[in-house]
Amino acid sequence: MIVSEPVKVEVEIEDLTTGCTYRYKGNSIKDCVGYFLSLFIGKRPYKIIHSNICNK
């Protein structure tokens, strides 16, 4: 039985509106950015500060 899928990427995103940074883990950078953007109404300016491919 598989409990969870392995994380493939870790992304740090800076919210350019507030200056706060957030870290997300997921299957792809696109998934992480999509989740970040889904937290807000309308378009949100952001910048990817760091990404790390997980090889575990």
PDB file of N, CA and C in Angstrom:
ATOM      1  N   MET A   1       0.842  -1.173   0.000  1.00  0.00           N
ATOM      2  CA  MET A   1       0.000   0.000   0.000  1.00  0.00           C
ATOM      3  C   MET A   1       0.894   1.245   0.000  1.00  0.00           C
ATOM      4  N   ILE A   2       0.607   2.170  -0.883  1.00  0.00           N
ATOM      5  CA  ILE A   2       1.335   3.429  -0.961  1.00  0.00           C
ATOM      6  C   ILE A   2       0.559   4.481  -0.178  1.00  0.00           C
ATOM      7  N   VAL A   3       1.219   5.078   0.815  1.00  0.00           N
ATOM      8  CA  VAL A   3       0.565   6.094   1.642  1.00  0.00           C
ATOM      9  C   VAL A   3       0.586   7.446   0.956  1.00  0.00           C
ATOM     10  N   SER A   4       1.730   7.807   0.369  1.00  0.00           N
ATOM     11  CA  SER A   4       1.824   9.071  -0.345  1.00  0.00           C
ATOM     12  C   SER A   4       2.866   8.952  -1.442  1.00  0.00           C
ATOM     13  N   GLU A   5       2.748   9.817  -2.430  1.00  0.00           N
ATOM     14  CA  GLU A   5       3.716   9.824  -3.517  1.00  0.00           C
ATOM     15  C   GLU A   5       4.941  10.621  -3.101  1.00  0.00           C
ATOM     16  N   PRO A   6       6.121  10.256  -3.602  1.00  0.00           N
ATOM     17  CA  PRO A   6       7.321  11.033  -3.258  1.00  0.00           C
ATOM     18  C   PRO A   6       7.271  12.436  -3.856  1.00  0.00           C
ATOM     19  N   VAL A   7       7.818  13.383  -3.123  1.00  0.00           N
ATOM     20  CA  VAL A   7       7.882  14.765  -3.579  1.00  0.00           C
ATOM     21  C   VAL A   7       8.971  14.877  -4.630  1.00  0.00           C
ATOM     22  N   LYS A   8       8.655  15.541  -5.735  1.00  0.00           N
ATOM     23  CA  LYS A   8       9.613  15.664  -6.831  1.00  0.00           C
ATOM     24  C   LYS A   8      10.309  17.022  -6.854  1.00  0.00           C
ATOM     25  N   VAL A   9       9.655  18.059  -6.314  1.00  0.00           N
ATOM     26  CA  VAL A   9      10.239  19.400  -6.370  1.00  0.00           C
ATOM     27  C   VAL A   9       9.801  20.203  -5.142  1.00  0.00           C
ATOM     28  N   GLU A  10      10.698  21.089  -4.694  1.00  0.00           N
ATOM     29  CA  GLU A  10      10.383  22.031  -3.633  1.00  0.00           C
ATOM     30  C   GLU A  10      10.624  23.430  -4.203  1.00  0.00           C
ATOM     31  N   VAL A  11       9.661  24.332  -4.021  1.00  0.00           N
ATOM     32  CA  VAL A  11       9.720  25.662  -4.625  1.00  0.00           C
ATOM     33  C   VAL A  11       9.503  26.714  -3.548  1.00  0.00           C
ATOM     34  N   GLU A  12      10.306  27.779  -3.595  1.00  0.00           N
ATOM     35  CA  GLU A  12      10.104  28.933  -2.722  1.00  0.00           C
ATOM     36  C   GLU A  12       9.629  30.095  -3.592  1.00  0.00           C
ATOM     37  N   ILE A  13       8.475  30.647  -3.237  1.00  0.00           N
ATOM     38  CA  ILE A  13       7.832  31.698  -4.024  1.00  0.00           C
ATOM     39  C   ILE A  13       7.720  32.958  -3.174  1.00  0.00           C
ATOM     40  N   GLU A  14       8.075  34.103  -3.768  1.00  0.00           N
ATOM     41  CA  GLU A  14       7.906  35.387  -3.093  1.00  0.00           C
ATOM     42  C   GLU A  14       6.660  36.066  -3.638  1.00  0.00           C
ATOM     43  N   ASP A  15       5.773  36.453  -2.741  1.00  0.00           N
ATOM     44  CA  ASP A  15       4.577  37.226  -3.093  1.00  0.00           C
ATOM     45  C   ASP A  15       5.022  38.680  -3.215  1.00  0.00           C
ATOM     46  N   LEU A  16       5.012  39.224  -4.418  1.00  0.00           N
ATOM     47  CA  LEU A  16       5.507  40.576  -4.645  1.00  0.00           C
ATOM     48  C   LEU A  16       4.574  41.648  -4.097  1.00  0.00           C
ATOM     49  N   THR A  17       3.343  41.288  -3.768  1.00  0.00           N
ATOM     50  CA  THR A  17       2.402  42.241  -3.180  1.00  0.00           C
ATOM     51  C   THR A  17       2.729  42.486  -1.706  1.00  0.00           C
ATOM     52  N   THR A  18       3.033  41.415  -0.977  1.00  0.00           N
ATOM     53  CA  THR A  18       3.280  41.534   0.464  1.00  0.00           C
ATOM     54  C   THR A  18       4.748  41.395   0.843  1.00  0.00           C
ATOM     55  N   GLY A  19       5.556  40.809  -0.031  1.00  0.00           N
ATOM     56  CA  GLY A  19       6.958  40.570   0.277  1.00  0.00           C
ATOM     57  C   GLY A  19       7.184  39.292   1.073  1.00  0.00           C
ATOM     58  N   CYS A  20       6.134  38.538   1.345  1.00  0.00           N
ATOM     59  CA  CYS A  20       6.248  37.270   2.086  1.00  0.00           C
ATOM     60  C   CYS A  20       6.720  36.165   1.157  1.00  0.00           C
ATOM     61  N   THR A  21       7.409  35.175   1.720  1.00  0.00           N
ATOM     62  CA  THR A  21       7.832  34.018   0.938  1.00  0.00           C
ATOM     63  C   THR A  21       7.127  32.773   1.448  1.00  0.00           C
ATOM     64  N   TYR A  22       6.904  31.845   0.529  1.00  0.00           N
ATOM     65  CA  TYR A  22       6.198  30.606   0.835  1.00  0.00           C
ATOM     66  C   TYR A  22       6.965  29.452   0.221  1.00  0.00           C
ATOM     67  N   ARG A  23       6.964  28.302   0.890  1.00  0.00           N
ATOM     68  CA  ARG A  23       7.587  27.087   0.365  1.00  0.00           C
ATOM     69  C   ARG A  23       6.510  26.047   0.121  1.00  0.00           C
ATOM     70  N   TYR A  24       6.598  25.440  -1.046  1.00  0.00           N
ATOM     71  CA  TYR A  24       5.649  24.393  -1.416  1.00  0.00           C
ATOM     72  C   TYR A  24       6.414  23.190  -1.924  1.00  0.00           C
ATOM     73  N   LYS A  25       5.844  22.012  -1.705  1.00  0.00           N
ATOM     74  CA  LYS A  25       6.401  20.766  -2.233  1.00  0.00           C
ATOM     75  C   LYS A  25       5.327  20.111  -3.087  1.00  0.00           C
ATOM     76  N   GLY A  26       5.745  19.558  -4.234  1.00  0.00           N
ATOM     77  CA  GLY A  26       4.780  18.929  -5.115  1.00  0.00           C
ATOM     78  C   GLY A  26       5.440  18.137  -6.210  1.00  0.00           C
ATOM     79  N   ASN A  27       4.648  17.790  -7.215  1.00  0.00           N
ATOM     80  CA  ASN A  27       5.136  16.992  -8.333  1.00  0.00           C
ATOM     81  C   ASN A  27       5.853  17.826  -9.374  1.00  0.00           C
ATOM     82  N   SER A  28       5.537  19.127  -9.460  1.00  0.00           N
ATOM     83  CA  SER A  28       6.172  19.991 -10.453  1.00  0.00           C
ATOM     84  C   SER A  28       6.111  21.443  -9.986  1.00  0.00           C
ATOM     85  N   ILE A  29       6.926  22.277 -10.607  1.00  0.00           N
ATOM     86  CA  ILE A  29       6.898  23.708 -10.305  1.00  0.00           C
ATOM     87  C   ILE A  29       5.532  24.283 -10.653  1.00  0.00           C
ATOM     88  N   LYS A  30       4.974  23.830 -11.753  1.00  0.00           N
ATOM     89  CA  LYS A  30       3.657  24.306 -12.185  1.00  0.00           C
ATOM     90  C   LYS A  30       2.589  24.012 -11.131  1.00  0.00           C
ATOM     91  N   ASP A  31       2.630  22.826 -10.534  1.00  0.00           N
ATOM     92  CA  ASP A  31       1.676  22.474  -9.478  1.00  0.00           C
ATOM     93  C   ASP A  31       1.818  23.400  -8.276  1.00  0.00           C
ATOM     94  N   CYS A  32       3.053  23.680  -7.868  1.00  0.00           N
ATOM     95  CA  CYS A  32       3.302  24.545  -6.709  1.00  0.00           C
ATOM     96  C   CYS A  32       2.832  25.972  -6.970  1.00  0.00           C
ATOM     97  N   VAL A  33       3.130  26.501  -8.136  1.00  0.00           N
ATOM     98  CA  VAL A  33       2.698  27.852  -8.491  1.00  0.00           C
ATOM     99  C   VAL A  33       1.179  27.899  -8.592  1.00  0.00           C
ATOM    100  N   GLY A  34       0.584  26.875  -9.181  1.00  0.00           N
ATOM    101  CA  GLY A  34      -0.876  26.812  -9.290  1.00  0.00           C
ATOM    102  C   GLY A  34      -1.555  26.828  -7.926  1.00  0.00           C
ATOM    103  N   TYR A  35      -0.983  26.096  -6.972  1.00  0.00           N
ATOM    104  CA  TYR A  35      -1.541  26.088  -5.620  1.00  0.00           C
ATOM    105  C   TYR A  35      -1.412  27.473  -4.984  1.00  0.00           C
ATOM    106  N   PHE A  36      -0.244  28.104  -5.121  1.00  0.00           N
ATOM    107  CA  PHE A  36      -0.035  29.447  -4.579  1.00  0.00           C
ATOM    108  C   PHE A  36      -1.070  30.424  -5.140  1.00  0.00           C
ATOM    109  N   LEU A  37      -1.256  30.406  -6.463  1.00  0.00           N
ATOM    110  CA  LEU A  37      -2.192  31.331  -7.095  1.00  0.00           C
ATOM    111  C   LEU A  37      -3.640  31.040  -6.729  1.00  0.00           C
ATOM    112  N   SER A  38      -3.950  29.789  -6.405  1.00  0.00           N
ATOM    113  CA  SER A  38      -5.325  29.430  -6.054  1.00  0.00           C
ATOM    114  C   SER A  38      -5.744  30.004  -4.700  1.00  0.00           C
ATOM    115  N   LEU A  39      -4.783  30.457  -3.909  1.00  0.00           N
ATOM    116  CA  LEU A  39      -5.101  31.004  -2.595  1.00  0.00           C
ATOM    117  C   LEU A  39      -5.634  32.436  -2.659  1.00  0.00           C
ATOM    118  N   PHE A  40      -5.542  33.080  -3.832  1.00  0.00           N
ATOM    119  CA  PHE A  40      -5.906  34.479  -3.966  1.00  0.00           C
ATOM    120  C   PHE A  40      -6.953  34.663  -5.064  1.00  0.00           C
ATOM    121  N   ILE A  41      -7.709  35.738  -4.965  1.00  0.00           N
ATOM    122  CA  ILE A  41      -8.684  36.085  -5.998  1.00  0.00           C
ATOM    123  C   ILE A  41      -7.989  36.997  -6.996  1.00  0.00           C
ATOM    124  N   GLY A  42      -8.111  36.718  -8.267  1.00  0.00           N
ATOM    125  CA  GLY A  42      -7.474  37.525  -9.304  1.00  0.00           C
ATOM    126  C   GLY A  42      -6.007  37.166  -9.481  1.00  0.00           C
ATOM    127  N   LYS A  43      -5.333  37.951 -10.299  1.00  0.00           N
ATOM    128  CA  LYS A  43      -3.920  37.701 -10.563  1.00  0.00           C
ATOM    129  C   LYS A  43      -3.075  38.187  -9.392  1.00  0.00           C
ATOM    130  N   ARG A  44      -2.006  37.479  -9.126  1.00  0.00           N
ATOM    131  CA  ARG A  44      -1.111  37.825  -8.022  1.00  0.00           C
ATOM    132  C   ARG A  44       0.318  37.837  -8.543  1.00  0.00           C
ATOM    133  N   PRO A  45       1.039  38.953  -8.414  1.00  0.00           N
ATOM    134  CA  PRO A  45       2.428  38.981  -8.865  1.00  0.00           C
ATOM    135  C   PRO A  45       3.301  38.149  -7.923  1.00  0.00           C
ATOM    136  N   TYR A  46       4.179  37.350  -8.510  1.00  0.00           N
ATOM    137  CA  TYR A  46       5.049  36.492  -7.714  1.00  0.00           C
ATOM    138  C   TYR A  46       6.386  36.317  -8.416  1.00  0.00           C
ATOM    139  N   LYS A  47       7.353  35.818  -7.659  1.00  0.00           N
ATOM    140  CA  LYS A  47       8.667  35.515  -8.216  1.00  0.00           C
ATOM    141  C   LYS A  47       9.142  34.221  -7.573  1.00  0.00           C
ATOM    142  N   ILE A  48       9.640  33.301  -8.397  1.00  0.00           N
ATOM    143  CA  ILE A  48      10.214  32.065  -7.870  1.00  0.00           C
ATOM    144  C   ILE A  48      11.641  32.376  -7.425  1.00  0.00           C
ATOM    145  N   ILE A  49      11.886  32.223  -6.138  1.00  0.00           N
ATOM    146  CA  ILE A  49      13.205  32.535  -5.577  1.00  0.00           C
ATOM    147  C   ILE A  49      14.146  31.346  -5.680  1.00  0.00           C
ATOM    148  N   HIS A  50      13.602  30.156  -5.416  1.00  0.00           N
ATOM    149  CA  HIS A  50      14.452  28.963  -5.373  1.00  0.00           C
ATOM    150  C   HIS A  50      13.618  27.747  -5.710  1.00  0.00           C
ATOM    151  N   SER A  51      14.212  26.822  -6.427  1.00  0.00           N
ATOM    152  CA  SER A  51      13.565  25.525  -6.645  1.00  0.00           C
ATOM    153  C   SER A  51      14.604  24.432  -6.477  1.00  0.00           C
ATOM    154  N   ASN A  52      14.161  23.306  -5.984  1.00  0.00           N
ATOM    155  CA  ASN A  52      15.044  22.203  -5.703  1.00  0.00           C
ATOM    156  C   ASN A  52      14.393  20.914  -6.177  1.00  0.00           C
ATOM    157  N   ILE A  53      15.073  20.156  -7.004  1.00  0.00           N
ATOM    158  CA  ILE A  53      14.577  18.869  -7.455  1.00  0.00           C
ATOM    159  C   ILE A  53      14.947  17.824  -6.413  1.00  0.00           C
ATOM    160  N   CYS A  54      13.961  17.076  -5.932  1.00  0.00           N
ATOM    161  CA  CYS A  54      14.196  16.064  -4.921  1.00  0.00           C
ATOM    162  C   CYS A  54      14.414  14.716  -5.594  1.00  0.00           C
ATOM    163  N   ASN A  55      15.534  14.073  -5.334  1.00  0.00           N
ATOM    164  CA  ASN A  55      15.864  12.790  -5.957  1.00  0.00           C
ATOM    165  C   ASN A  55      15.763  11.631  -4.990  1.00  0.00           C
ATOM    166  N   LYS A  56      14.912  11.718  -4.029  1.00  0.00           N
ATOM    167  CA  LYS A  56      14.787  10.649  -3.017  1.00  0.00           C
ATOM    168  C   LYS A  56      13.787   9.633  -3.459  1.00  0.00           C
TER     169      LYS A  56
END
